[in-house]
Amino acid sequence: MRTIAKFLARNKGFITFMLCMVVFRSAVADWNVVPTGSMQPTIRIGDRILVDKLAYDVRLPLTHISLLHLADPQRGDIVVLDSRAAHERLVKRVIGLPGDRVAMRNNVIFINGRAASYTAGSYDGIHDDLLDPARYRIERYGDIRHAIRLSVNRPSPAINFGPVKVPPGRYLLLGDDRDNSMDSRYLGFFARDEVVGRSRYVVASLDPRHHYLPRIHRFGAALD
């Protein structure tokens, strides 16, 4: 016990710093590595995104217990969640809010009977296109605007679904890479208490296809 006490006394500054960092990353803000392409082209494989954990709740550190409700996810938000259905952390975009009726017909989203509009877009530098050519579209619904990726040769079997009604306290989430995303089409609706935070910026980005060299142009990039 005396040895432990001496160790704590000698390192109390470092221990306090580490505890503060754990609390900060658990309850205030953190960064999350994106290892898959389910949110391309908005988020690239190898991006490190900033997660604002105070966007919706003040939580008890190291738990999902909400101490203070601040806001709810809005349509178009990019959210980070600990999915019970997927048994892992996911990054997806909010499409359907509680009470919405949502359907998809040939990759066209309908929300409460109104279709999103689509215009052509183009993106360079996504390595996946070499093996899986893709079409890019700008999806618009009201004031919300973001890019989506559609595979030319490997369309998802879930290009059609619904209509479904989003239950209270749950959300319908989709990936921007519509043909390469495990989302609400496969995993169902996601509960509000699974949402960890919101992401709006890339902190840093390393390119796994080029020896993890930094993609400087992605540092600090805003996410649609």
Protein backbone atom coordinates (compact mmCIF):
# COMPACT_ATOMS: atom_id res chain seq x y z
CA MET A 1 0.00 0.00 0.00
CA ARG A 2 2.87 2.39 0.83
CA THR A 3 4.39 1.77 -2.62
CA ILE A 4 1.05 2.56 -4.29
CA ALA A 5 0.66 5.71 -2.22
CA LYS A 6 4.12 6.91 -3.23
CA PHE A 7 3.40 6.16 -6.89
CA LEU A 8 0.15 8.13 -6.73
CA ALA A 9 1.83 11.04 -4.97
CA ARG A 10 4.66 11.21 -7.53
CA ASN A 11 2.30 10.97 -10.51
CA LYS A 12 -0.81 12.79 -9.31
CA GLY A 13 -0.48 15.45 -12.01
CA PHE A 14 -0.29 12.91 -14.81
CA ILE A 15 -3.09 10.80 -13.30
CA THR A 16 -5.34 13.86 -12.97
CA PHE A 17 -4.62 14.79 -16.58
CA MET A 18 -5.46 11.30 -17.82
CA LEU A 19 -8.70 11.20 -15.83
CA CYS A 20 -9.70 14.58 -17.26
CA MET A 21 -8.95 13.33 -20.77
CA VAL A 22 -11.07 10.22 -20.24
CA VAL A 23 -13.99 12.31 -18.99
CA PHE A 24 -13.58 14.82 -21.84
CA ARG A 25 -13.48 12.17 -24.56
CA SER A 26 -16.34 10.24 -23.00
CA ALA A 27 -18.76 13.11 -22.39
CA VAL A 28 -17.67 16.19 -24.37
CA ALA A 29 -15.86 15.47 -27.64
CA ASP A 30 -13.86 12.71 -29.27
CA TRP A 31 -12.58 11.66 -32.66
CA ASN A 32 -13.67 8.54 -34.47
CA VAL A 33 -11.75 6.61 -37.14
CA VAL A 34 -13.88 5.67 -40.15
CA PRO A 35 -12.61 2.30 -41.46
CA THR A 36 -15.33 1.64 -44.07
CA GLY A 37 -16.79 3.39 -47.09
CA SER A 38 -20.47 3.41 -46.07
CA MET A 39 -20.56 7.23 -45.92
CA GLN A 40 -18.61 7.95 -49.12
CA PRO A 41 -18.22 10.41 -50.71
CA THR A 42 -18.96 12.61 -47.68
CA ILE A 43 -16.63 10.70 -45.36
CA ARG A 44 -13.65 8.88 -46.88
CA ILE A 45 -12.07 5.67 -45.62
CA GLY A 46 -9.30 6.75 -43.23
CA ASP A 47 -10.96 10.01 -42.13
CA ARG A 48 -10.79 10.87 -38.43
CA ILE A 49 -14.02 12.73 -37.69
CA LEU A 50 -14.77 15.01 -34.75
CA VAL A 51 -17.67 13.74 -32.62
CA ASP A 52 -19.56 16.43 -30.69
CA LYS A 53 -20.93 14.51 -27.72
CA LEU A 54 -22.73 17.57 -26.34
CA ALA A 55 -24.80 18.03 -29.50
CA TYR A 56 -27.84 16.27 -28.06
CA ASP A 57 -27.22 15.38 -24.40
CA VAL A 58 -25.02 15.91 -21.40
CA ARG A 59 -24.20 12.32 -20.43
CA LEU A 60 -22.73 10.70 -17.37
CA PRO A 61 -19.12 9.97 -18.39
CA LEU A 62 -18.44 6.43 -19.61
CA THR A 63 -22.18 5.70 -19.88
CA HIS A 64 -25.16 6.37 -22.16
CA ILE A 65 -27.11 7.88 -19.27
CA SER A 66 -28.42 11.34 -20.21
CA LEU A 67 -28.16 13.90 -17.41
CA LEU A 68 -29.54 16.77 -19.49
CA HIS A 69 -31.43 16.66 -22.79
CA LEU A 70 -30.20 19.43 -25.09
CA ALA A 71 -31.66 18.60 -28.52
CA ASP A 72 -32.72 15.77 -30.80
CA PRO A 73 -31.10 14.64 -34.07
CA GLN A 74 -32.44 16.46 -37.11
CA ARG A 75 -32.89 15.26 -40.65
CA GLY A 76 -29.58 15.45 -42.49
CA ASP A 77 -27.41 15.21 -39.36
CA ILE A 78 -24.44 12.83 -39.50
CA VAL A 79 -24.64 10.90 -36.25
CA VAL A 80 -22.31 8.49 -34.47
CA LEU A 81 -24.08 5.72 -32.58
CA ASP A 82 -23.36 2.56 -30.63
CA SER A 83 -25.72 0.19 -32.40
CA ARG A 84 -27.14 -2.70 -30.43
CA ALA A 85 -28.29 -4.40 -33.64
CA ALA A 86 -24.90 -4.15 -35.37
CA HIS A 87 -22.88 -4.66 -32.16
CA GLU A 88 -20.51 -1.87 -33.17
CA ARG A 89 -20.16 1.87 -33.57
CA LEU A 90 -21.71 3.25 -36.77
CA VAL A 91 -21.66 6.57 -38.61
CA LYS A 92 -24.82 7.30 -40.60
CA ARG A 93 -27.06 10.12 -41.80
CA VAL A 94 -30.47 10.85 -40.31
CA ILE A 95 -33.18 10.44 -42.97
CA GLY A 96 -36.38 9.65 -41.08
CA LEU A 97 -37.51 11.31 -37.84
CA PRO A 98 -40.03 9.86 -35.36
CA GLY A 99 -43.47 9.87 -36.99
CA ASP A 100 -42.18 10.14 -40.58
CA ARG A 101 -43.34 7.77 -43.30
CA VAL A 102 -40.31 6.84 -45.40
CA ALA A 103 -39.98 4.80 -48.58
CA MET A 104 -37.35 4.19 -51.25
CA ARG A 105 -38.08 3.45 -54.90
CA ASN A 106 -35.08 2.67 -57.12
CA ASN A 107 -32.82 4.63 -54.73
CA VAL A 108 -35.16 7.63 -54.65
CA ILE A 109 -36.15 8.61 -51.09
CA PHE A 110 -39.76 9.56 -50.29
CA ILE A 111 -40.51 11.23 -46.95
CA ASN A 112 -44.16 11.73 -46.03
CA GLY A 113 -45.11 11.22 -49.67
CA ARG A 114 -42.65 13.78 -51.02
CA ALA A 115 -39.72 12.66 -53.16
CA ALA A 116 -36.19 13.97 -52.77
CA SER A 117 -34.70 15.52 -55.90
CA TYR A 118 -31.44 14.41 -57.52
CA THR A 119 -28.90 16.14 -59.72
CA ALA A 120 -25.64 14.86 -61.15
CA GLY A 121 -22.41 15.25 -59.19
CA SER A 122 -18.81 14.10 -59.55
CA TYR A 123 -16.05 13.24 -57.09
CA ASP A 124 -12.41 12.44 -57.71
CA GLY A 125 -9.97 10.37 -55.73
CA ILE A 126 -12.24 7.65 -54.34
CA HIS A 127 -10.23 4.49 -54.83
CA ASP A 128 -13.30 2.23 -54.65
CA ASP A 129 -14.35 3.53 -58.08
CA LEU A 130 -11.49 1.61 -59.71
CA LEU A 131 -13.07 -1.72 -58.75
CA ASP A 132 -16.65 -0.60 -58.45
CA PRO A 133 -17.56 2.26 -60.81
CA ALA A 134 -20.12 4.61 -59.33
CA ARG A 135 -22.52 7.41 -60.16
CA TYR A 136 -22.74 10.43 -57.87
CA ARG A 137 -25.87 12.43 -57.17
CA ILE A 138 -26.71 15.44 -55.03
CA GLU A 139 -29.74 14.49 -52.95
CA ARG A 140 -32.00 17.37 -51.91
CA TYR A 141 -34.96 17.38 -49.57
CA GLY A 142 -36.12 20.83 -48.52
CA ASP A 143 -33.07 22.75 -47.30
CA ILE A 144 -31.02 19.56 -46.86
CA ARG A 145 -28.42 18.84 -49.52
CA HIS A 146 -25.70 16.16 -49.61
CA ALA A 147 -23.93 13.80 -52.00
CA ILE A 148 -24.68 10.11 -52.38
CA ARG A 149 -22.82 7.34 -54.17
CA LEU A 150 -24.57 4.71 -56.33
CA SER A 151 -22.78 1.62 -57.61
CA VAL A 152 -23.01 1.02 -61.36
CA ASN A 153 -22.38 -2.74 -61.33
CA ARG A 154 -23.24 -3.77 -57.76
CA PRO A 155 -26.59 -2.26 -56.79
CA SER A 156 -27.87 -3.04 -53.33
CA PRO A 157 -30.79 -5.48 -53.04
CA ALA A 158 -32.42 -2.80 -50.86
CA ILE A 159 -32.93 -0.08 -53.49
CA ASN A 160 -36.63 -0.39 -52.71
CA PHE A 161 -38.25 -0.50 -49.27
CA GLY A 162 -41.29 0.70 -47.39
CA PRO A 163 -43.23 2.73 -46.86
CA VAL A 164 -42.49 2.41 -43.17
CA LYS A 165 -43.45 4.67 -40.27
CA VAL A 166 -40.66 5.63 -37.89
CA PRO A 167 -41.73 4.79 -34.32
CA PRO A 168 -41.51 7.29 -31.44
CA GLY A 169 -38.00 7.61 -30.03
CA ARG A 170 -36.38 6.00 -33.07
CA TYR A 171 -34.70 7.15 -36.28
CA LEU A 172 -34.23 5.85 -39.81
CA LEU A 173 -30.55 6.18 -40.75
CA LEU A 174 -28.86 5.56 -44.11
CA GLY A 175 -25.29 5.66 -45.40
CA ASP A 176 -24.42 8.06 -48.22
CA ASP A 177 -22.90 5.14 -50.14
CA ARG A 178 -26.33 3.67 -50.72
CA ASP A 179 -25.13 0.38 -52.22
CA ASN A 180 -22.46 -0.24 -49.57
CA SER A 181 -24.04 0.48 -46.21
CA MET A 182 -25.52 -1.60 -43.40
CA ASP A 183 -28.18 0.78 -42.16
CA SER A 184 -31.89 0.93 -41.35
CA ARG A 185 -32.74 -1.07 -44.46
CA TYR A 186 -31.05 -4.07 -42.85
CA LEU A 187 -30.83 -3.27 -39.14
CA GLY A 188 -34.15 -1.53 -38.57
CA PHE A 189 -34.76 1.71 -36.72
CA PHE A 190 -32.18 3.05 -34.29
CA ALA A 191 -33.11 4.16 -30.78
CA ARG A 192 -32.47 7.70 -29.60
CA ASP A 193 -30.34 6.50 -26.67
CA GLU A 194 -27.91 4.75 -29.06
CA VAL A 195 -26.83 8.08 -30.54
CA VAL A 196 -23.47 9.17 -29.13
CA GLY A 197 -23.11 12.51 -30.90
CA ARG A 198 -23.00 14.47 -34.14
CA SER A 199 -20.14 14.97 -36.59
CA ARG A 200 -19.61 18.03 -38.77
CA TYR A 201 -15.86 18.09 -39.41
CA VAL A 202 -12.91 15.91 -40.35
CA VAL A 203 -10.06 16.26 -37.85
CA ALA A 204 -7.45 14.47 -39.96
CA SER A 205 -7.28 11.93 -42.75
CA LEU A 206 -4.81 9.17 -43.63
CA ASP A 207 -4.94 7.40 -46.99
CA PRO A 208 -4.84 3.59 -46.46
CA ARG A 209 -4.25 3.07 -50.17
CA HIS A 210 -1.03 5.10 -50.12
CA HIS A 211 0.84 3.89 -47.02
CA TYR A 212 -1.38 5.98 -44.73
CA LEU A 213 0.05 9.24 -45.95
CA PRO A 214 -1.91 12.28 -44.75
CA ARG A 215 -4.55 13.75 -47.05
CA ILE A 216 -3.87 17.36 -46.09
CA HIS A 217 -6.81 18.69 -48.10
CA ARG A 218 -9.15 16.68 -45.83
CA PHE A 219 -7.83 18.18 -42.57
CA GLY A 220 -10.59 20.36 -41.07
CA ALA A 221 -12.95 19.66 -43.97
CA ALA A 222 -16.62 20.36 -43.28
CA LEU A 223 -19.08 17.49 -43.70
CA ASP A 224 -22.34 18.18 -45.55
